[in-house]
Amino acid sequence: AIVTAALAICGFAVLLAVVVSVFCGIVGMIIASAGMIVIGV
């Protein structure tokens, strides 16, 4: 039970870290793209 639960929690933690990193990167690039439009105008 301990090993299985530990694997599940580790998998969940890794998944959460990947998701946060990906979404932060995407949001950052969207903000940068919007900044390019503003500067262009």
PDB file of all heavy atoms in Angstrom:
ATOM      1  N   ALA A   1       0.828  -1.205   0.000  1.00  0.00           N
ATOM      2  CA  ALA A   1       0.000   0.000   0.000  1.00  0.00           C
ATOM      3  C   ALA A   1       0.864   1.258   0.000  1.00  0.00           C
ATOM      4  O   ALA A   1       0.584   2.217  -0.717  1.00  0.00           O
ATOM      5  CB  ALA A   1      -0.924  -0.004   1.219  1.00  0.00           C
ATOM      6  N   ILE A   2       1.943   1.253   0.804  1.00  0.00           N
ATOM      7  CA  ILE A   2       2.818   2.423   0.889  1.00  0.00           C
ATOM      8  C   ILE A   2       3.511   2.679  -0.445  1.00  0.00           C
ATOM      9  O   ILE A   2       3.556   3.808  -0.936  1.00  0.00           O
ATOM     10  CB  ILE A   2       3.859   2.238   2.018  1.00  0.00           C
ATOM     11  CG1 ILE A   2       3.170   2.271   3.383  1.00  0.00           C
ATOM     12  CG2 ILE A   2       4.933   3.327   1.927  1.00  0.00           C
ATOM     13  CD1 ILE A   2       4.099   1.974   4.541  1.00  0.00           C
ATOM     14  N   VAL A   3       4.055   1.616  -1.049  1.00  0.00           N
ATOM     15  CA  VAL A   3       4.770   1.764  -2.323  1.00  0.00           C
ATOM     16  C   VAL A   3       3.825   2.253  -3.416  1.00  0.00           C
ATOM     17  O   VAL A   3       4.146   3.174  -4.175  1.00  0.00           O
ATOM     18  CB  VAL A   3       5.420   0.427  -2.744  1.00  0.00           C
ATOM     19  CG1 VAL A   3       5.944   0.512  -4.168  1.00  0.00           C
ATOM     20  CG2 VAL A   3       6.554   0.081  -1.789  1.00  0.00           C
ATOM     21  N   THR A   4       2.650   1.649  -3.503  1.00  0.00           N
ATOM     22  CA  THR A   4       1.691   2.041  -4.545  1.00  0.00           C
ATOM     23  C   THR A   4       1.236   3.472  -4.365  1.00  0.00           C
ATOM     24  O   THR A   4       1.158   4.250  -5.322  1.00  0.00           O
ATOM     25  CB  THR A   4       0.473   1.106  -4.537  1.00  0.00           C
ATOM     26  OG1 THR A   4       0.919  -0.250  -4.625  1.00  0.00           O
ATOM     27  CG2 THR A   4      -0.445   1.393  -5.709  1.00  0.00           C
ATOM     28  N   ALA A   5       0.909   3.831  -3.130  1.00  0.00           N
ATOM     29  CA  ALA A   5       0.468   5.201  -2.860  1.00  0.00           C
ATOM     30  C   ALA A   5       1.593   6.200  -3.133  1.00  0.00           C
ATOM     31  O   ALA A   5       1.353   7.291  -3.669  1.00  0.00           O
ATOM     32  CB  ALA A   5      -0.002   5.327  -1.417  1.00  0.00           C
ATOM     33  N   ALA A   6       2.839   5.833  -2.785  1.00  0.00           N
ATOM     34  CA  ALA A   6       3.979   6.725  -3.028  1.00  0.00           C
ATOM     35  C   ALA A   6       4.174   6.947  -4.523  1.00  0.00           C
ATOM     36  O   ALA A   6       4.424   8.077  -4.962  1.00  0.00           O
ATOM     37  CB  ALA A   6       5.250   6.136  -2.419  1.00  0.00           C
ATOM     38  N   LEU A   7       4.037   5.875  -5.310  1.00  0.00           N
ATOM     39  CA  LEU A   7       4.160   6.006  -6.764  1.00  0.00           C
ATOM     40  C   LEU A   7       3.072   6.914  -7.319  1.00  0.00           C
ATOM     41  O   LEU A   7       3.320   7.755  -8.188  1.00  0.00           O
ATOM     42  CB  LEU A   7       4.072   4.628  -7.425  1.00  0.00           C
ATOM     43  CG  LEU A   7       5.290   3.716  -7.250  1.00  0.00           C
ATOM     44  CD1 LEU A   7       5.001   2.334  -7.824  1.00  0.00           C
ATOM     45  CD2 LEU A   7       6.512   4.316  -7.938  1.00  0.00           C
ATOM     46  N   ALA A   8       1.860   6.742  -6.791  1.00  0.00           N
ATOM     47  CA  ALA A   8       0.745   7.567  -7.265  1.00  0.00           C
ATOM     48  C   ALA A   8       0.977   9.039  -6.932  1.00  0.00           C
ATOM     49  O   ALA A   8       0.763   9.924  -7.766  1.00  0.00           O
ATOM     50  CB  ALA A   8      -0.559   7.084  -6.647  1.00  0.00           C
ATOM     51  N   ILE A   9       1.441   9.309  -5.703  1.00  0.00           N
ATOM     52  CA  ILE A   9       1.675  10.692  -5.281  1.00  0.00           C
ATOM     53  C   ILE A   9       2.822  11.316  -6.082  1.00  0.00           C
ATOM     54  O   ILE A   9       2.737  12.477  -6.502  1.00  0.00           O
ATOM     55  CB  ILE A   9       1.976  10.744  -3.772  1.00  0.00           C
ATOM     56  CG1 ILE A   9       0.713  10.344  -2.986  1.00  0.00           C
ATOM     57  CG2 ILE A   9       2.429  12.138  -3.368  1.00  0.00           C
ATOM     58  CD1 ILE A   9       0.950  10.167  -1.508  1.00  0.00           C
ATOM     59  N   CYS A  10       3.888  10.537  -6.325  1.00  0.00           N
ATOM     60  CA  CYS A  10       5.012  11.051  -7.119  1.00  0.00           C
ATOM     61  C   CYS A  10       4.567  11.367  -8.542  1.00  0.00           C
ATOM     62  O   CYS A  10       4.943  12.397  -9.109  1.00  0.00           O
ATOM     63  CB  CYS A  10       6.151  10.025  -7.143  1.00  0.00           C
ATOM     64  SG  CYS A  10       7.028   9.868  -5.567  1.00  0.00           S
ATOM     65  N   GLY A  11       3.778  10.455  -9.109  1.00  0.00           N
ATOM     66  CA  GLY A  11       3.271  10.693 -10.455  1.00  0.00           C
ATOM     67  C   GLY A  11       2.417  11.942 -10.514  1.00  0.00           C
ATOM     68  O   GLY A  11       2.508  12.746 -11.458  1.00  0.00           O
ATOM     69  N   PHE A  12       1.593  12.114  -9.509  1.00  0.00           N
ATOM     70  CA  PHE A  12       0.734  13.308  -9.426  1.00  0.00           C
ATOM     71  C   PHE A  12       1.579  14.565  -9.314  1.00  0.00           C
ATOM     72  O   PHE A  12       1.310  15.573  -9.983  1.00  0.00           O
ATOM     73  CB  PHE A  12      -0.194  13.167  -8.221  1.00  0.00           C
ATOM     74  CG  PHE A  12      -1.066  14.361  -7.983  1.00  0.00           C
ATOM     75  CD1 PHE A  12      -2.236  14.534  -8.695  1.00  0.00           C
ATOM     76  CD2 PHE A  12      -0.718  15.305  -7.032  1.00  0.00           C
ATOM     77  CE1 PHE A  12      -3.043  15.647  -8.479  1.00  0.00           C
ATOM     78  CE2 PHE A  12      -1.519  16.417  -6.808  1.00  0.00           C
ATOM     79  CZ  PHE A  12      -2.686  16.576  -7.533  1.00  0.00           C
ATOM     80  N   ALA A  13       2.631  14.523  -8.498  1.00  0.00           N
ATOM     81  CA  ALA A  13       3.492  15.693  -8.299  1.00  0.00           C
ATOM     82  C   ALA A  13       4.228  16.052  -9.585  1.00  0.00           C
ATOM     83  O   ALA A  13       4.340  17.234  -9.946  1.00  0.00           O
ATOM     84  CB  ALA A  13       4.491  15.426  -7.169  1.00  0.00           C
ATOM     85  N   VAL A  14       4.743  15.030 -10.274  1.00  0.00           N
ATOM     86  CA  VAL A  14       5.451  15.278 -11.533  1.00  0.00           C
ATOM     87  C   VAL A  14       4.497  15.871 -12.567  1.00  0.00           C
ATOM     88  O   VAL A  14       4.837  16.824 -13.277  1.00  0.00           O
ATOM     89  CB  VAL A  14       6.073  13.972 -12.063  1.00  0.00           C
ATOM     90  CG1 VAL A  14       6.598  14.160 -13.486  1.00  0.00           C
ATOM     91  CG2 VAL A  14       7.209  13.516 -11.148  1.00  0.00           C
ATOM     92  N   LEU A  15       3.297  15.282 -12.655  1.00  0.00           N
ATOM     93  CA  LEU A  15       2.297  15.786 -13.594  1.00  0.00           C
ATOM     94  C   LEU A  15       1.953  17.242 -13.307  1.00  0.00           C
ATOM     95  O   LEU A  15       1.887  18.074 -14.217  1.00  0.00           O
ATOM     96  CB  LEU A  15       1.033  14.930 -13.501  1.00  0.00           C
ATOM     97  CG  LEU A  15      -0.178  15.390 -14.326  1.00  0.00           C
ATOM     98  CD1 LEU A  15       0.156  15.397 -15.807  1.00  0.00           C
ATOM     99  CD2 LEU A  15      -1.378  14.499 -14.039  1.00  0.00           C
ATOM    100  N   LEU A  16       1.778  17.570 -12.032  1.00  0.00           N
ATOM    101  CA  LEU A  16       1.437  18.939 -11.649  1.00  0.00           C
ATOM    102  C   LEU A  16       2.564  19.905 -12.005  1.00  0.00           C
ATOM    103  O   LEU A  16       2.315  21.016 -12.516  1.00  0.00           O
ATOM    104  CB  LEU A  16       1.148  18.989 -10.150  1.00  0.00           C
ATOM    105  CG  LEU A  16       0.668  20.335  -9.594  1.00  0.00           C
ATOM    106  CD1 LEU A  16      -0.633  20.758 -10.271  1.00  0.00           C
ATOM    107  CD2 LEU A  16       0.490  20.248  -8.086  1.00  0.00           C
ATOM    108  N   ALA A  17       3.823  19.480 -11.760  1.00  0.00           N
ATOM    109  CA  ALA A  17       4.969  20.339 -12.070  1.00  0.00           C
ATOM    110  C   ALA A  17       5.067  20.595 -13.573  1.00  0.00           C
ATOM    111  O   ALA A  17       5.319  21.732 -14.002  1.00  0.00           O
ATOM    112  CB  ALA A  17       6.256  19.695 -11.552  1.00  0.00           C
ATOM    113  N   VAL A  18       4.864  19.546 -14.367  1.00  0.00           N
ATOM    114  CA  VAL A  18       4.924  19.697 -15.826  1.00  0.00           C
ATOM    115  C   VAL A  18       3.823  20.635 -16.312  1.00  0.00           C
ATOM    116  O   VAL A  18       4.047  21.525 -17.139  1.00  0.00           O
ATOM    117  CB  VAL A  18       4.803  18.322 -16.511  1.00  0.00           C
ATOM    118  CG1 VAL A  18       4.624  18.484 -18.018  1.00  0.00           C
ATOM    119  CG2 VAL A  18       6.043  17.482 -16.223  1.00  0.00           C
ATOM    120  N   VAL A  19       2.620  20.427 -15.779  1.00  0.00           N
ATOM    121  CA  VAL A  19       1.473  21.260 -16.192  1.00  0.00           C
ATOM    122  C   VAL A  19       1.725  22.733 -15.867  1.00  0.00           C
ATOM    123  O   VAL A  19       1.511  23.616 -16.709  1.00  0.00           O
ATOM    124  CB  VAL A  19       0.187  20.762 -15.504  1.00  0.00           C
ATOM    125  CG1 VAL A  19      -0.945  21.770 -15.685  1.00  0.00           C
ATOM    126  CG2 VAL A  19      -0.228  19.419 -16.072  1.00  0.00           C
ATOM    127  N   VAL A  20       2.181  23.001 -14.646  1.00  0.00           N
ATOM    128  CA  VAL A  20       2.441  24.388 -14.237  1.00  0.00           C
ATOM    129  C   VAL A  20       3.507  25.019 -15.130  1.00  0.00           C
ATOM    130  O   VAL A  20       3.366  26.172 -15.580  1.00  0.00           O
ATOM    131  CB  VAL A  20       2.862  24.442 -12.759  1.00  0.00           C
ATOM    132  CG1 VAL A  20       3.352  25.846 -12.389  1.00  0.00           C
ATOM    133  CG2 VAL A  20       1.704  24.045 -11.861  1.00  0.00           C
ATOM    134  N   SER A  21       4.583  24.264 -15.419  1.00  0.00           N
ATOM    135  CA  SER A  21       5.673  24.790 -16.251  1.00  0.00           C
ATOM    136  C   SER A  21       5.189  25.118 -17.656  1.00  0.00           C
ATOM    137  O   SER A  21       5.487  26.177 -18.204  1.00  0.00           O
ATOM    138  CB  SER A  21       6.820  23.776 -16.310  1.00  0.00           C
ATOM    139  OG  SER A  21       7.341  23.523 -15.030  1.00  0.00           O
ATOM    140  N   VAL A  22       4.430  24.177 -18.237  1.00  0.00           N
ATOM    141  CA  VAL A  22       3.934  24.376 -19.610  1.00  0.00           C
ATOM    142  C   VAL A  22       3.011  25.582 -19.681  1.00  0.00           C
ATOM    143  O   VAL A  22       3.144  26.447 -20.564  1.00  0.00           O
ATOM    144  CB  VAL A  22       3.216  23.107 -20.117  1.00  0.00           C
ATOM    145  CG1 VAL A  22       2.475  23.387 -21.410  1.00  0.00           C
ATOM    146  CG2 VAL A  22       4.225  21.981 -20.314  1.00  0.00           C
ATOM    147  N   PHE A  23       2.077  25.665 -18.749  1.00  0.00           N
ATOM    148  CA  PHE A  23       1.122  26.767 -18.791  1.00  0.00           C
ATOM    149  C   PHE A  23       1.781  28.110 -18.497  1.00  0.00           C
ATOM    150  O   PHE A  23       1.402  29.130 -19.091  1.00  0.00           O
ATOM    151  CB  PHE A  23      -0.038  26.506 -17.822  1.00  0.00           C
ATOM    152  CG  PHE A  23      -1.088  25.614 -18.391  1.00  0.00           C
ATOM    153  CD1 PHE A  23      -1.115  24.268 -18.088  1.00  0.00           C
ATOM    154  CD2 PHE A  23      -2.057  26.115 -19.260  1.00  0.00           C
ATOM    155  CE1 PHE A  23      -2.081  23.427 -18.627  1.00  0.00           C
ATOM    156  CE2 PHE A  23      -3.027  25.293 -19.796  1.00  0.00           C
ATOM    157  CZ  PHE A  23      -3.040  23.946 -19.488  1.00  0.00           C
ATOM    158  N   CYS A  24       2.756  28.112 -17.615  1.00  0.00           N
ATOM    159  CA  CYS A  24       3.479  29.367 -17.353  1.00  0.00           C
ATOM    160  C   CYS A  24       4.218  29.832 -18.614  1.00  0.00           C
ATOM    161  O   CYS A  24       4.233  31.027 -18.942  1.00  0.00           O
ATOM    162  CB  CYS A  24       4.471  29.170 -16.209  1.00  0.00           C
ATOM    163  SG  CYS A  24       3.701  29.120 -14.576  1.00  0.00           S
ATOM    164  N   GLY A  25       4.842  28.874 -19.307  1.00  0.00           N
ATOM    165  CA  GLY A  25       5.541  29.213 -20.545  1.00  0.00           C
ATOM    166  C   GLY A  25       4.595  29.757 -21.597  1.00  0.00           C
ATOM    167  O   GLY A  25       4.898  30.755 -22.275  1.00  0.00           O
ATOM    168  N   ILE A  26       3.449  29.100 -21.750  1.00  0.00           N
ATOM    169  CA  ILE A  26       2.467  29.547 -22.752  1.00  0.00           C
ATOM    170  C   ILE A  26       1.932  30.933 -22.412  1.00  0.00           C
ATOM    171  O   ILE A  26       1.832  31.807 -23.283  1.00  0.00           O
ATOM    172  CB  ILE A  26       1.321  28.524 -22.857  1.00  0.00           C
ATOM    173  CG1 ILE A  26       1.826  27.226 -23.492  1.00  0.00           C
ATOM    174  CG2 ILE A  26       0.164  29.094 -23.680  1.00  0.00           C
ATOM    175  CD1 ILE A  26       0.819  26.099 -23.506  1.00  0.00           C
ATOM    176  N   VAL A  27       1.588  31.150 -21.148  1.00  0.00           N
ATOM    177  CA  VAL A  27       1.082  32.466 -20.727  1.00  0.00           C
ATOM    178  C   VAL A  27       2.142  33.544 -20.960  1.00  0.00           C
ATOM    179  O   VAL A  27       1.841  34.649 -21.437  1.00  0.00           O
ATOM    180  CB  VAL A  27       0.659  32.435 -19.242  1.00  0.00           C
ATOM    181  CG1 VAL A  27       0.376  33.845 -18.739  1.00  0.00           C
ATOM    182  CG2 VAL A  27      -0.572  31.566 -19.065  1.00  0.00           C
ATOM    183  N   GLY A  28       3.388  33.228 -20.650  1.00  0.00           N
ATOM    184  CA  GLY A  28       4.470  34.185 -20.863  1.00  0.00           C
ATOM    185  C   GLY A  28       4.616  34.572 -22.330  1.00  0.00           C
ATOM    186  O   GLY A  28       4.786  35.760 -22.664  1.00  0.00           O
ATOM    187  N   MET A  29       4.526  33.581 -23.209  1.00  0.00           N
ATOM    188  CA  MET A  29       4.660  33.862 -24.635  1.00  0.00           C
ATOM    189  C   MET A  29       3.451  34.627 -25.173  1.00  0.00           C
ATOM    190  O   MET A  29       3.590  35.464 -26.074  1.00  0.00           O
ATOM    191  CB  MET A  29       4.846  32.552 -25.403  1.00  0.00           C
ATOM    192  CG  MET A  29       6.149  31.833 -25.082  1.00  0.00           C
ATOM    193  SD  MET A  29       7.620  32.887 -25.240  1.00  0.00           S
ATOM    194  CE  MET A  29       7.595  33.296 -26.976  1.00  0.00           C
ATOM    195  N   ILE A  30       2.266  34.348 -24.640  1.00  0.00           N
ATOM    196  CA  ILE A  30       1.078  35.105 -25.053  1.00  0.00           C
ATOM    197  C   ILE A  30       1.224  36.566 -24.649  1.00  0.00           C
ATOM    198  O   ILE A  30       0.904  37.487 -25.420  1.00  0.00           O
ATOM    199  CB  ILE A  30      -0.191  34.487 -24.438  1.00  0.00           C
ATOM    200  CG1 ILE A  30      -0.511  33.146 -25.128  1.00  0.00           C
ATOM    201  CG2 ILE A  30      -1.378  35.440 -24.572  1.00  0.00           C
ATOM    202  CD1 ILE A  30      -1.682  32.407 -24.518  1.00  0.00           C
ATOM    203  N   ILE A  31       1.737  36.808 -23.445  1.00  0.00           N
ATOM    204  CA  ILE A  31       1.957  38.183 -22.987  1.00  0.00           C
ATOM    205  C   ILE A  31       2.991  38.880 -23.869  1.00  0.00           C
ATOM    206  O   ILE A  31       2.837  40.053 -24.246  1.00  0.00           O
ATOM    207  CB  ILE A  31       2.403  38.188 -21.513  1.00  0.00           C
ATOM    208  CG1 ILE A  31       1.260  37.704 -20.605  1.00  0.00           C
ATOM    209  CG2 ILE A  31       2.865  39.583 -21.096  1.00  0.00           C
ATOM    210  CD1 ILE A  31       1.649  37.528 -19.160  1.00  0.00           C
ATOM    211  N   ALA A  32       4.055  38.142 -24.227  1.00  0.00           N
ATOM    212  CA  ALA A  32       5.092  38.719 -25.094  1.00  0.00           C
ATOM    213  C   ALA A  32       4.530  39.061 -26.468  1.00  0.00           C
ATOM    214  O   ALA A  32       4.853  40.122 -27.042  1.00  0.00           O
ATOM    215  CB  ALA A  32       6.255  37.741 -25.219  1.00  0.00           C
ATOM    216  N   SER A  33       3.685  38.168 -26.994  1.00  0.00           N
ATOM    217  CA  SER A  33       3.068  38.434 -28.306  1.00  0.00           C
ATOM    218  C   SER A  33       2.162  39.649 -28.244  1.00  0.00           C
ATOM    219  O   SER A  33       2.153  40.487 -29.170  1.00  0.00           O
ATOM    220  CB  SER A  33       2.267  37.193 -28.755  1.00  0.00           C
ATOM    221  OG  SER A  33       3.111  36.068 -28.903  1.00  0.00           O
ATOM    222  N   ALA A  34       1.390  39.761 -27.174  1.00  0.00           N
ATOM    223  CA  ALA A  34       0.535  40.938 -27.011  1.00  0.00           C
ATOM    224  C   ALA A  34       1.376  42.205 -26.901  1.00  0.00           C
ATOM    225  O   ALA A  34       1.012  43.269 -27.436  1.00  0.00           O
ATOM    226  CB  ALA A  34      -0.334  40.771 -25.769  1.00  0.00           C
ATOM    227  N   GLY A  35       2.523  42.103 -26.233  1.00  0.00           N
ATOM    228  CA  GLY A  35       3.437  43.248 -26.123  1.00  0.00           C
ATOM    229  C   GLY A  35       3.972  43.672 -27.476  1.00  0.00           C
ATOM    230  O   GLY A  35       4.113  44.880 -27.757  1.00  0.00           O
ATOM    231  N   MET A  36       4.263  42.697 -28.363  1.00  0.00           N
ATOM    232  CA  MET A  36       4.722  43.018 -29.717  1.00  0.00           C
ATOM    233  C   MET A  36       3.658  43.807 -30.479  1.00  0.00           C
ATOM    234  O   MET A  36       3.965  44.759 -31.204  1.00  0.00           O
ATOM    235  CB  MET A  36       5.060  41.730 -30.473  1.00  0.00           C
ATOM    236  CG  MET A  36       6.323  41.035 -29.993  1.00  0.00           C
ATOM    237  SD  MET A  36       6.627  39.485 -30.877  1.00  0.00           S
ATOM    238  CE  MET A  36       6.850  40.093 -32.558  1.00  0.00           C
ATOM    239  N   ILE A  37       2.394  43.387 -30.311  1.00  0.00           N
ATOM    240  CA  ILE A  37       1.301  44.094 -30.994  1.00  0.00           C
ATOM    241  C   ILE A  37       1.205  45.531 -30.500  1.00  0.00           C
ATOM    242  O   ILE A  37       1.058  46.476 -31.296  1.00  0.00           O
ATOM    243  CB  ILE A  37      -0.024  43.345 -30.778  1.00  0.00           C
ATOM    244  CG1 ILE A  37       0.032  41.966 -31.449  1.00  0.00           C
ATOM    245  CG2 ILE A  37      -1.192  44.153 -31.331  1.00  0.00           C
ATOM    246  CD1 ILE A  37      -1.176  41.094 -31.161  1.00  0.00           C
ATOM    247  N   VAL A  38       1.287  45.711 -29.192  1.00  0.00           N
ATOM    248  CA  VAL A  38       1.203  47.060 -28.611  1.00  0.00           C
ATOM    249  C   VAL A  38       2.339  47.937 -29.118  1.00  0.00           C
ATOM    250  O   VAL A  38       2.142  49.099 -29.541  1.00  0.00           O
ATOM    251  CB  VAL A  38       1.219  46.979 -27.073  1.00  0.00           C
ATOM    252  CG1 VAL A  38       1.323  48.385 -26.468  1.00  0.00           C
ATOM    253  CG2 VAL A  38      -0.031  46.280 -26.562  1.00  0.00           C
ATOM    254  N   ILE A  39       3.555  47.374 -29.104  1.00  0.00           N
ATOM    255  CA  ILE A  39       4.710  48.147 -29.582  1.00  0.00           C
ATOM    256  C   ILE A  39       4.559  48.488 -31.067  1.00  0.00           C
ATOM    257  O   ILE A  39       4.897  49.580 -31.529  1.00  0.00           O
ATOM    258  CB  ILE A  39       6.013  47.357 -29.337  1.00  0.00           C
ATOM    259  CG1 ILE A  39       6.268  47.218 -27.832  1.00  0.00           C
ATOM    260  CG2 ILE A  39       7.201  48.053 -30.013  1.00  0.00           C
ATOM    261  CD1 ILE A  39       7.421  46.311 -27.485  1.00  0.00           C
ATOM    262  N   GLY A  40       4.026  47.502 -31.825  1.00  0.00           N
ATOM    263  CA  GLY A  40       3.817  47.740 -33.251  1.00  0.00           C
ATOM    264  C   GLY A  40       2.843  48.859 -33.503  1.00  0.00           C
ATOM    265  O   GLY A  40       3.062  49.717 -34.379  1.00  0.00           O
ATOM    266  N   VAL A  41       1.748  48.877 -32.755  1.00  0.00           N
ATOM    267  CA  VAL A  41       0.751  49.945 -32.916  1.00  0.00           C
ATOM    268  C   VAL A  41       1.364  51.303 -32.585  1.00  0.00           C
ATOM    269  O   VAL A  41       1.144  52.305 -33.295  1.00  0.00           O
ATOM    270  CB  VAL A  41      -0.478  49.668 -32.027  1.00  0.00           C
ATOM    271  CG1 VAL A  41      -1.408  50.867 -32.009  1.00  0.00           C
ATOM    272  CG2 VAL A  41      -1.209  48.429 -32.511  1.00  0.00           C
TER     273      VAL A  41
END
